[in-house]
């Protein structure tokens, strides 16, 4: 149940994250394009993404990979939008509050070129 809540909160917040990074907000609504821009703006290594994708495809226990993603995602998101590890820890336990808060209310994108 926690994974579902976490994924729903990220999905609702992606247009806000994308808009704060300088890309038009409506690109955050298009299903595959929003994930591309979101991961591109978080500056996640392509090798790590390939490893996670292969894990989701090939491993019989896909929930393990999703759990790993949901554990590390709040810390990466909080760091890239100007918040520290405390907000990342709160995002781990309260994703339904922290993800939309960072996306639409607080935080500025700090990885601008």
N, C-alpha and C. Protein backbone atom coordinates (compact mmCIF):
# COMPACT_ATOMS: atom_id res chain seq x y z
N UNK A 1 0.81 -1.19 0.00
CA UNK A 1 0.00 0.00 0.00
C UNK A 1 0.86 1.27 0.00
N UNK A 2 1.98 1.22 0.74
CA UNK A 2 2.88 2.38 0.79
C UNK A 2 3.43 2.69 -0.59
N UNK A 3 3.81 1.67 -1.36
CA UNK A 3 4.36 1.89 -2.69
C UNK A 3 3.34 2.57 -3.60
N UNK A 4 2.10 2.18 -3.48
CA UNK A 4 1.05 2.78 -4.31
C UNK A 4 0.88 4.26 -3.96
N UNK A 5 0.85 4.57 -2.66
CA UNK A 5 0.72 5.97 -2.23
C UNK A 5 1.91 6.78 -2.71
N UNK A 6 3.11 6.22 -2.58
CA UNK A 6 4.33 6.90 -3.00
C UNK A 6 4.31 7.19 -4.50
N UNK A 7 3.95 6.21 -5.30
CA UNK A 7 3.92 6.39 -6.75
C UNK A 7 2.82 7.36 -7.19
N UNK A 8 1.68 7.34 -6.53
CA UNK A 8 0.61 8.28 -6.86
C UNK A 8 1.03 9.71 -6.53
N UNK A 9 1.68 9.90 -5.38
CA UNK A 9 2.12 11.25 -4.99
C UNK A 9 3.18 11.79 -5.94
N UNK A 10 4.09 10.94 -6.39
CA UNK A 10 5.10 11.38 -7.36
C UNK A 10 4.43 11.74 -8.68
N UNK A 11 3.47 10.92 -9.11
CA UNK A 11 2.78 11.17 -10.37
C UNK A 11 2.00 12.48 -10.34
N UNK A 12 1.36 12.78 -9.24
CA UNK A 12 0.62 14.03 -9.12
C UNK A 12 1.58 15.22 -9.08
N UNK A 13 2.76 15.05 -8.53
CA UNK A 13 3.69 16.15 -8.34
C UNK A 13 4.62 16.40 -9.51
N UNK A 14 4.73 15.48 -10.46
CA UNK A 14 5.68 15.63 -11.56
C UNK A 14 5.48 16.92 -12.37
N UNK A 15 4.25 17.34 -12.71
CA UNK A 15 4.13 18.62 -13.44
C UNK A 15 4.71 19.82 -12.67
N UNK A 16 4.58 19.82 -11.36
CA UNK A 16 5.16 20.90 -10.55
C UNK A 16 6.67 20.86 -10.54
N UNK A 17 7.24 19.66 -10.45
CA UNK A 17 8.70 19.53 -10.49
C UNK A 17 9.24 19.99 -11.83
N UNK A 18 8.58 19.59 -12.90
CA UNK A 18 9.05 19.96 -14.23
C UNK A 18 8.92 21.46 -14.46
N UNK A 19 7.85 22.06 -13.99
CA UNK A 19 7.67 23.50 -14.15
C UNK A 19 8.73 24.28 -13.39
N UNK A 20 9.11 23.81 -12.21
CA UNK A 20 10.15 24.51 -11.44
C UNK A 20 11.52 24.39 -12.07
N UNK A 21 11.73 23.38 -12.90
CA UNK A 21 13.04 23.23 -13.53
C UNK A 21 13.15 23.99 -14.84
N UNK A 22 12.10 24.71 -15.23
CA UNK A 22 12.18 25.57 -16.39
C UNK A 22 11.57 24.99 -17.66
N UNK A 23 10.97 23.84 -17.58
CA UNK A 23 10.31 23.21 -18.73
C UNK A 23 8.82 23.51 -18.61
N UNK A 24 8.13 23.58 -19.72
CA UNK A 24 6.70 23.89 -19.68
C UNK A 24 5.95 22.83 -18.88
N UNK A 25 5.01 23.28 -18.04
CA UNK A 25 4.33 22.39 -17.10
C UNK A 25 3.50 21.33 -17.81
N UNK A 26 2.98 21.62 -19.00
CA UNK A 26 2.10 20.66 -19.67
C UNK A 26 2.86 19.43 -20.14
N UNK A 27 4.19 19.52 -20.24
CA UNK A 27 4.96 18.33 -20.58
C UNK A 27 4.98 17.34 -19.41
N UNK A 28 4.61 17.80 -18.24
CA UNK A 28 4.52 16.92 -17.08
C UNK A 28 3.25 16.09 -17.04
N UNK A 29 2.32 16.39 -17.92
CA UNK A 29 1.07 15.64 -17.97
C UNK A 29 1.16 14.46 -18.93
N UNK A 30 1.98 14.57 -19.97
CA UNK A 30 2.12 13.50 -20.97
C UNK A 30 2.84 12.31 -20.32
N UNK A 31 2.26 11.12 -20.34
CA UNK A 31 2.74 10.00 -19.52
C UNK A 31 4.21 9.60 -19.64
N UNK A 32 4.74 9.33 -20.79
CA UNK A 32 6.12 8.88 -20.89
C UNK A 32 7.08 10.06 -20.89
N UNK A 33 6.67 11.15 -21.49
CA UNK A 33 7.51 12.34 -21.57
C UNK A 33 7.79 12.90 -20.18
N UNK A 34 6.80 12.86 -19.28
CA UNK A 34 7.00 13.43 -17.95
C UNK A 34 8.07 12.66 -17.17
N UNK A 35 8.12 11.37 -17.30
CA UNK A 35 9.14 10.59 -16.60
C UNK A 35 10.52 10.89 -17.18
N UNK A 36 10.61 11.04 -18.49
CA UNK A 36 11.88 11.38 -19.13
C UNK A 36 12.42 12.70 -18.61
N UNK A 37 11.59 13.75 -18.65
CA UNK A 37 12.05 15.06 -18.19
C UNK A 37 12.33 15.07 -16.69
N UNK A 38 11.51 14.37 -15.93
CA UNK A 38 11.71 14.32 -14.48
C UNK A 38 13.05 13.68 -14.13
N UNK A 39 13.36 12.54 -14.72
CA UNK A 39 14.63 11.88 -14.44
C UNK A 39 15.80 12.64 -15.02
N UNK A 40 15.60 13.31 -16.15
CA UNK A 40 16.66 14.13 -16.74
C UNK A 40 17.01 15.30 -15.83
N UNK A 41 16.00 15.93 -15.25
CA UNK A 41 16.23 17.08 -14.39
C UNK A 41 16.77 16.68 -13.02
N UNK A 42 16.57 15.44 -12.59
CA UNK A 42 17.13 15.00 -11.31
C UNK A 42 18.60 14.61 -11.43
N UNK A 43 19.12 14.61 -12.64
CA UNK A 43 20.53 14.30 -12.90
C UNK A 43 20.91 12.90 -12.39
N UNK A 44 20.05 11.93 -12.66
CA UNK A 44 20.32 10.55 -12.28
C UNK A 44 21.13 9.90 -13.38
N UNK A 45 22.12 9.12 -13.01
CA UNK A 45 23.00 8.47 -13.97
C UNK A 45 22.22 7.54 -14.89
N UNK A 46 22.51 7.58 -16.20
CA UNK A 46 21.82 6.67 -17.12
C UNK A 46 22.14 5.20 -16.83
N UNK A 47 23.33 4.94 -16.31
CA UNK A 47 23.69 3.55 -15.98
C UNK A 47 22.84 3.03 -14.83
N UNK A 48 22.59 3.88 -13.86
CA UNK A 48 21.72 3.48 -12.76
C UNK A 48 20.30 3.22 -13.24
N UNK A 49 19.83 4.07 -14.14
CA UNK A 49 18.48 3.87 -14.68
C UNK A 49 18.39 2.57 -15.48
N UNK A 50 19.43 2.26 -16.26
CA UNK A 50 19.42 1.00 -17.01
C UNK A 50 19.44 -0.20 -16.07
N UNK A 51 20.21 -0.09 -15.00
CA UNK A 51 20.27 -1.19 -14.02
C UNK A 51 18.92 -1.39 -13.34
N UNK A 52 18.27 -0.31 -12.96
CA UNK A 52 16.94 -0.42 -12.35
C UNK A 52 15.91 -0.96 -13.34
N UNK A 53 15.99 -0.51 -14.60
CA UNK A 53 15.05 -1.00 -15.61
C UNK A 53 15.25 -2.49 -15.87
N UNK A 54 16.51 -2.92 -15.95
CA UNK A 54 16.77 -4.35 -16.14
C UNK A 54 16.30 -5.15 -14.94
N UNK A 55 16.44 -4.58 -13.75
CA UNK A 55 15.95 -5.25 -12.56
C UNK A 55 14.45 -5.40 -12.58
N UNK A 56 13.76 -4.35 -13.05
CA UNK A 56 12.30 -4.43 -13.15
C UNK A 56 11.85 -5.43 -14.21
N UNK A 57 12.65 -5.60 -15.25
CA UNK A 57 12.28 -6.52 -16.32
C UNK A 57 12.65 -7.96 -15.99
N UNK A 58 13.86 -8.17 -15.49
CA UNK A 58 14.38 -9.52 -15.38
C UNK A 58 14.20 -10.20 -14.02
N UNK A 59 14.18 -9.44 -12.94
CA UNK A 59 14.08 -10.07 -11.63
C UNK A 59 12.66 -10.56 -11.35
N UNK A 60 12.55 -11.70 -10.72
CA UNK A 60 11.21 -12.18 -10.41
C UNK A 60 10.52 -11.37 -9.29
N UNK A 61 11.32 -10.73 -8.42
CA UNK A 61 10.75 -9.93 -7.33
C UNK A 61 10.86 -8.45 -7.66
N UNK A 62 9.92 -7.94 -8.45
CA UNK A 62 9.95 -6.56 -8.90
C UNK A 62 9.65 -5.58 -7.77
N UNK A 63 8.97 -6.01 -6.75
CA UNK A 63 8.67 -5.12 -5.63
C UNK A 63 9.93 -4.69 -4.89
N UNK A 64 10.97 -5.51 -4.93
CA UNK A 64 12.24 -5.13 -4.32
C UNK A 64 12.81 -3.89 -4.99
N UNK A 65 12.80 -3.86 -6.31
CA UNK A 65 13.31 -2.70 -7.05
C UNK A 65 12.44 -1.47 -6.80
N UNK A 66 11.12 -1.64 -6.80
CA UNK A 66 10.24 -0.51 -6.52
C UNK A 66 10.42 0.02 -5.11
N UNK A 67 10.67 -0.86 -4.17
CA UNK A 67 10.93 -0.43 -2.80
C UNK A 67 12.23 0.37 -2.71
N UNK A 68 13.25 -0.08 -3.41
CA UNK A 68 14.52 0.66 -3.43
C UNK A 68 14.32 2.04 -4.04
N UNK A 69 13.55 2.12 -5.11
CA UNK A 69 13.28 3.41 -5.75
C UNK A 69 12.52 4.33 -4.79
N UNK A 70 11.51 3.79 -4.11
CA UNK A 70 10.70 4.62 -3.20
C UNK A 70 11.47 5.02 -1.94
N UNK A 71 12.53 4.31 -1.60
CA UNK A 71 13.34 4.69 -0.45
C UNK A 71 14.30 5.82 -0.82
N UNK A 72 14.91 5.76 -1.99
CA UNK A 72 15.90 6.77 -2.36
C UNK A 72 15.32 8.00 -3.05
N UNK A 73 14.12 7.89 -3.62
CA UNK A 73 13.53 9.01 -4.36
C UNK A 73 13.32 10.26 -3.51
N UNK A 74 12.81 10.18 -2.28
CA UNK A 74 12.61 11.43 -1.54
C UNK A 74 13.90 12.19 -1.25
N UNK A 75 14.99 11.47 -1.04
CA UNK A 75 16.26 12.14 -0.76
C UNK A 75 16.81 12.82 -2.01
N UNK A 76 16.67 12.18 -3.17
CA UNK A 76 17.13 12.78 -4.42
C UNK A 76 16.28 13.99 -4.77
N UNK A 77 14.97 13.88 -4.61
CA UNK A 77 14.08 14.99 -4.93
C UNK A 77 14.32 16.16 -3.98
N UNK A 78 14.44 15.89 -2.69
CA UNK A 78 14.67 16.97 -1.72
C UNK A 78 16.00 17.66 -1.98
N UNK A 79 17.02 16.92 -2.36
CA UNK A 79 18.32 17.52 -2.64
C UNK A 79 18.28 18.38 -3.90
N UNK A 80 17.61 17.92 -4.93
CA UNK A 80 17.61 18.67 -6.19
C UNK A 80 16.71 19.91 -6.15
N UNK A 81 15.84 20.01 -5.17
CA UNK A 81 14.98 21.19 -5.05
C UNK A 81 15.31 22.02 -3.82
N UNK A 82 16.54 21.91 -3.33
CA UNK A 82 17.05 22.83 -2.33
C UNK A 82 16.72 22.52 -0.89
N UNK A 83 16.29 21.32 -0.60
CA UNK A 83 16.00 20.93 0.77
C UNK A 83 17.04 19.90 1.22
N UNK A 84 17.15 19.70 2.50
CA UNK A 84 18.16 18.80 3.03
C UNK A 84 17.65 17.39 3.28
N UNK A 85 18.45 16.69 4.05
CA UNK A 85 18.14 15.29 4.35
C UNK A 85 16.94 15.14 5.28
N UNK A 86 16.67 16.17 6.08
CA UNK A 86 15.51 16.10 6.98
C UNK A 86 14.21 16.05 6.18
N UNK A 87 14.12 16.88 5.15
CA UNK A 87 12.93 16.87 4.30
C UNK A 87 12.86 15.57 3.52
N UNK A 88 14.01 15.03 3.11
CA UNK A 88 14.03 13.73 2.44
C UNK A 88 13.52 12.62 3.35
N UNK A 89 13.89 12.69 4.63
CA UNK A 89 13.41 11.69 5.59
C UNK A 89 11.92 11.85 5.83
N UNK A 90 11.45 13.09 5.91
CA UNK A 90 10.01 13.30 6.03
C UNK A 90 9.27 12.82 4.78
N UNK A 91 9.89 13.00 3.62
CA UNK A 91 9.30 12.51 2.38
C UNK A 91 9.23 11.00 2.32
N UNK A 92 10.14 10.34 3.02
CA UNK A 92 10.10 8.88 3.08
C UNK A 92 8.89 8.40 3.87
N UNK A 93 8.57 9.10 4.95
CA UNK A 93 7.47 8.67 5.81
C UNK A 93 6.13 9.31 5.46
N UNK A 94 6.16 10.51 4.90
CA UNK A 94 4.94 11.23 4.56
C UNK A 94 4.97 11.71 3.11
N UNK A 95 4.99 10.81 2.14
CA UNK A 95 5.09 11.25 0.74
C UNK A 95 3.86 12.01 0.26
N UNK A 96 2.71 11.74 0.85
CA UNK A 96 1.48 12.40 0.43
C UNK A 96 1.46 13.87 0.81
N UNK A 97 2.33 14.29 1.72
CA UNK A 97 2.43 15.69 2.11
C UNK A 97 3.66 16.35 1.47
N UNK A 98 4.80 15.69 1.55
CA UNK A 98 6.07 16.31 1.17
C UNK A 98 6.23 16.46 -0.34
N UNK A 99 5.87 15.44 -1.14
CA UNK A 99 6.05 15.54 -2.59
C UNK A 99 5.26 16.70 -3.20
N UNK A 100 3.96 16.83 -2.91
CA UNK A 100 3.26 18.01 -3.46
C UNK A 100 3.75 19.33 -2.87
N UNK A 101 4.17 19.33 -1.61
CA UNK A 101 4.69 20.55 -0.98
C UNK A 101 5.94 21.05 -1.70
N UNK A 102 6.86 20.13 -2.00
CA UNK A 102 8.07 20.53 -2.73
C UNK A 102 7.72 20.95 -4.15
N UNK A 103 6.80 20.23 -4.78
CA UNK A 103 6.49 20.50 -6.19
C UNK A 103 5.74 21.81 -6.39
N UNK A 104 4.81 22.13 -5.52
CA UNK A 104 3.94 23.26 -5.80
C UNK A 104 4.09 24.44 -4.84
N UNK A 105 4.70 24.26 -3.68
CA UNK A 105 4.75 25.35 -2.70
C UNK A 105 6.18 25.80 -2.42
N UNK A 106 7.02 24.89 -1.97
CA UNK A 106 8.35 25.27 -1.50
C UNK A 106 9.43 24.70 -2.41
N UNK A 107 10.57 25.30 -2.33
CA UNK A 107 11.73 24.76 -3.03
C UNK A 107 11.94 25.37 -4.40
N UNK A 108 13.20 25.52 -4.74
CA UNK A 108 13.61 25.99 -6.06
C UNK A 108 14.55 24.96 -6.64
N UNK A 109 14.48 24.77 -7.93
CA UNK A 109 15.36 23.82 -8.61
C UNK A 109 16.76 24.37 -8.59
N UNK A 110 17.74 23.59 -8.11
CA UNK A 110 19.08 24.11 -7.92
C UNK A 110 20.10 23.58 -8.92
N UNK A 111 19.74 22.68 -9.80
CA UNK A 111 20.69 22.12 -10.76
C UNK A 111 20.69 22.84 -12.10
N UNK A 112 20.24 24.09 -12.14
CA UNK A 112 20.18 24.80 -13.43
C UNK A 112 21.58 25.01 -13.97
N UNK A 113 21.68 24.86 -15.29
CA UNK A 113 22.98 25.02 -15.95
C UNK A 113 23.37 26.46 -16.13
